[in-house]
Protein backbone atom coordinates (compact mmCIF):
# COMPACT_ATOMS: atom_id res chain seq x y z
CA MET A 1 11.42 -33.32 30.56
CA LEU A 2 14.60 -31.14 30.29
CA ASP A 3 14.02 -28.96 26.97
CA MET A 4 17.34 -27.74 26.21
CA ASP A 5 15.79 -25.08 23.95
CA LYS A 6 13.79 -23.62 27.12
CA ILE A 7 15.93 -24.51 30.07
CA PHE A 8 16.84 -20.65 30.08
CA LEU A 9 12.87 -19.59 30.37
CA ILE A 10 10.63 -19.59 32.98
CA SER A 11 7.07 -20.14 30.99
CA ASP A 12 4.48 -21.98 30.34
CA ILE A 13 4.97 -25.73 30.07
CA PRO A 14 2.31 -27.81 27.56
CA GLY A 15 0.36 -30.10 30.03
CA TYR A 16 0.70 -28.19 33.57
CA THR A 17 -0.77 -25.05 34.88
CA PRO A 18 1.03 -21.85 34.75
CA GLN A 19 2.58 -21.94 38.34
CA ILE A 20 3.11 -25.52 38.24
CA SER A 21 4.96 -24.59 34.71
CA ARG A 22 7.08 -21.91 36.44
CA LEU A 23 7.99 -24.42 39.32
CA MET A 24 9.02 -26.82 36.98
CA SER A 25 10.88 -24.34 34.82
CA MET A 26 13.05 -23.49 37.94
CA MET A 27 13.43 -27.22 38.91
CA ASN A 28 14.87 -27.92 35.19
CA TYR A 29 17.48 -25.37 35.25
CA ALA A 30 18.77 -26.28 38.59
CA ARG A 31 18.97 -29.87 37.51
CA TYR A 32 20.52 -28.92 34.00
CA THR A 33 23.25 -27.00 36.38
CA THR A 34 23.61 -30.05 38.54
CA PHE A 35 24.06 -32.19 35.91
CA GLN A 36 26.59 -29.74 34.28
CA SER A 37 28.52 -29.53 37.68
CA VAL A 38 29.09 -33.54 37.73
CA GLN A 39 29.53 -33.85 34.09
CA GLY A 40 32.53 -36.27 33.07
CA LEU A 41 33.17 -37.83 36.92
CA THR A 42 34.53 -41.02 37.51
CA THR A 43 33.38 -43.32 40.16
CA GLU A 44 36.20 -42.23 42.24
CA GLN A 45 35.72 -38.89 41.92
CA LEU A 46 31.83 -39.31 43.04
CA ASP A 47 33.13 -41.31 46.05
CA PHE A 48 35.85 -38.78 47.10
CA THR A 49 35.86 -37.20 50.47
CA ILE A 50 37.46 -34.14 51.77
CA ASP A 51 37.54 -35.27 55.60
CA SER A 52 35.66 -37.92 57.72
CA THR A 53 32.98 -35.88 58.13
CA SER A 54 32.33 -34.54 54.40
CA ASN A 55 29.48 -35.83 51.96
CA SER A 56 30.84 -37.35 48.70
CA ILE A 57 29.77 -35.56 45.41
CA GLY A 58 27.74 -39.25 44.53
CA SER A 59 25.86 -39.16 48.33
CA LEU A 60 24.66 -35.91 47.49
CA LEU A 61 23.29 -36.76 44.06
CA LEU A 62 21.71 -39.34 45.61
CA HIS A 63 20.52 -36.91 48.39
CA PHE A 64 18.74 -35.15 45.67
CA ALA A 65 16.51 -37.89 44.60
CA ALA A 66 15.75 -39.21 48.22
CA VAL A 67 14.47 -35.83 49.30
CA GLU A 68 12.42 -35.22 46.11
CA TYR A 69 11.19 -38.82 46.57
CA ALA A 70 10.38 -37.84 50.05
CA TYR A 71 8.39 -34.91 49.24
CA GLN A 72 6.24 -36.83 46.40
CA LEU A 73 5.43 -38.90 49.43
CA TYR A 74 4.52 -36.20 52.08
CA THR A 75 2.86 -33.90 49.43
CA PHE A 76 1.22 -36.59 47.11
CA GLU A 77 0.32 -39.35 49.36
CA HIS A 78 0.34 -37.24 52.73
CA ARG A 79 2.74 -39.73 54.34
CA ASP A 80 6.31 -40.05 55.54
CA LEU A 81 8.56 -42.94 54.30
CA ASN A 82 7.73 -46.27 55.84
CA GLU A 83 9.91 -48.99 57.24
CA ASP A 84 11.46 -50.33 53.68
CA GLU A 85 11.82 -46.91 52.15
CA MET A 86 13.82 -46.03 54.68
CA LYS A 87 16.22 -48.76 54.28
CA LYS A 88 16.37 -47.70 50.20
CA TRP A 89 16.64 -43.81 51.28
CA GLY A 90 17.43 -43.31 54.73
CA ALA A 91 21.48 -43.02 54.14
CA ALA A 92 20.77 -40.65 51.23
CA LEU A 93 18.11 -38.66 53.11
CA ASP A 94 20.58 -38.12 56.33
CA LEU A 95 23.72 -38.65 54.71
CA GLY A 96 26.71 -38.32 57.12
CA GLU A 97 28.40 -41.75 58.37
CA LEU A 98 25.55 -43.80 57.02
CA GLY A 99 25.75 -42.03 53.68
CA ARG A 100 29.88 -42.40 53.62
CA GLU A 101 29.33 -46.02 54.32
CA GLN A 102 26.71 -46.75 51.89
CA ILE A 103 26.87 -44.57 49.01
CA LYS A 104 29.94 -45.45 47.14
CA GLY A 105 30.83 -47.64 44.13
CA ASN A 106 28.17 -46.19 41.48
CA LYS A 107 29.03 -44.68 38.15
CA LEU A 108 27.59 -41.60 37.29
CA GLU A 109 25.11 -43.26 35.23
CA TYR A 110 23.71 -44.94 38.21
CA TYR A 111 22.98 -41.45 39.86
CA ILE A 112 21.40 -39.53 36.98
CA HIS A 113 19.11 -42.74 36.20
CA ILE A 114 17.72 -42.39 39.51
CA LEU A 115 17.52 -38.43 39.50
CA ASN A 116 15.67 -38.92 36.06
CA GLU A 117 13.39 -41.42 37.41
CA ILE A 118 12.43 -39.84 40.28
CA ARG A 119 11.70 -36.51 38.30
CA ASP A 120 9.90 -38.00 35.84
CA LYS A 121 7.47 -39.16 38.58
CA THR A 122 7.12 -35.92 39.92
CA TYR A 123 6.23 -34.38 36.57
CA ASP A 124 3.47 -37.19 36.30
CA LEU A 125 2.38 -36.29 39.77
CA PHE A 126 2.26 -32.38 38.79
CA LYS A 127 0.09 -33.22 35.64
CA LEU A 128 -2.49 -34.30 37.99
CA LYS A 129 -2.60 -30.75 40.13
CA THR A 130 -3.72 -27.26 39.60
CA ASP A 131 -2.37 -24.34 40.82
CA GLU A 132 -4.23 -24.04 43.64
CA TRP A 133 -2.95 -27.12 45.26
CA LEU A 134 0.49 -25.41 45.50
CA TYR A 135 -1.32 -22.75 47.80
CA GLU A 136 -2.90 -25.23 50.11
CA GLU A 137 -1.92 -24.98 53.70
CA HIS A 138 -0.77 -27.80 55.76
CA GLU A 139 1.65 -28.23 59.03
CA PHE A 140 5.19 -28.41 57.70
CA TRP A 141 8.31 -28.50 59.78
CA ASN A 142 5.88 -27.77 62.78
CA GLN A 143 4.51 -24.52 61.02
CA LYS A 144 1.21 -24.36 60.59
CA THR A 145 1.72 -21.81 57.71
CA SER A 146 3.34 -23.68 55.31
CA ASN A 147 2.00 -24.67 51.69
CA TYR A 148 3.00 -27.04 48.99
CA TYR A 149 4.78 -24.37 46.81
CA PHE A 150 6.99 -23.72 49.61
CA MET A 151 7.65 -27.48 50.02
CA TRP A 152 8.39 -27.87 46.20
CA PHE A 153 10.63 -24.74 46.50
CA HIS A 154 12.84 -26.20 49.44
CA VAL A 155 13.22 -29.24 47.11
CA LEU A 156 14.64 -27.06 44.66
CA GLU A 157 16.56 -24.80 47.06
CA ASP A 158 17.94 -28.03 48.76
CA GLU A 159 19.70 -29.26 45.44
CA ILE A 160 20.79 -25.54 44.66
CA ASN A 161 22.43 -25.36 48.16
CA HIS A 162 24.02 -28.58 47.83
CA ARG A 163 25.06 -27.96 44.10
CA GLY A 164 27.49 -25.47 45.69
CA GLN A 165 28.93 -28.33 47.74
CA ILE A 166 29.38 -30.26 44.56
CA ARG A 167 31.43 -27.22 42.87
CA TRP A 168 33.43 -26.76 45.80
CA LEU A 169 34.47 -30.51 46.43
CA ARG A 170 35.00 -30.79 42.67
CA LYS A 171 37.55 -27.88 42.57
CA ARG A 172 39.31 -29.77 45.41
CA LEU A 173 39.82 -33.35 43.90
CA PRO A 174 43.31 -34.33 44.83
CA ILE A 175 45.38 -34.42 41.59
CA ASP A 176 45.63 -38.27 41.44
CA ILE A 177 42.29 -38.36 40.90
CA ARG A 178 41.12 -35.30 39.17
CA SER A 179 41.27 -36.60 35.52
CA GLY A 180 40.55 -40.35 36.59
CA LYS A 181 38.54 -42.65 34.01
CA ASP A 182 36.09 -45.33 34.81
């Protein structure tokens, strides 16, 4: 759904309500800049960690997809991930040691495919909702005054935050893998 002719516009998107369109416009731009920040990276570069406690670029990309998937479940199905879903997404959600152990050896196309697949599902689900839905209030993070708009803003904000980490990591790739090829 990334319409490159309109990537710099926050505006209506056909088939969606006005506020959902604007949220999607911002999500589209964030995803566009994420893709720009990882363009051309090799598997070795995606797996690189700066030290024993850092996350790799690949794990951060999978984290974006995992967070979005978790928010799909929470906001559209009103549930958390089940045991099977946690087996699939847990390392990407929590990152840390588990992420370093489990998320590696994948080409960039693998991450982009998953990110696109999860985002397409989000867009399908957004088509079913109205602007009023965005403002429905529910408990979230033990707060009684949160709404779906904030929850989806957090999905966007989380990606922007971690994309900064990706850019920081990319600038620190060792010379020997900086221009590698898969």
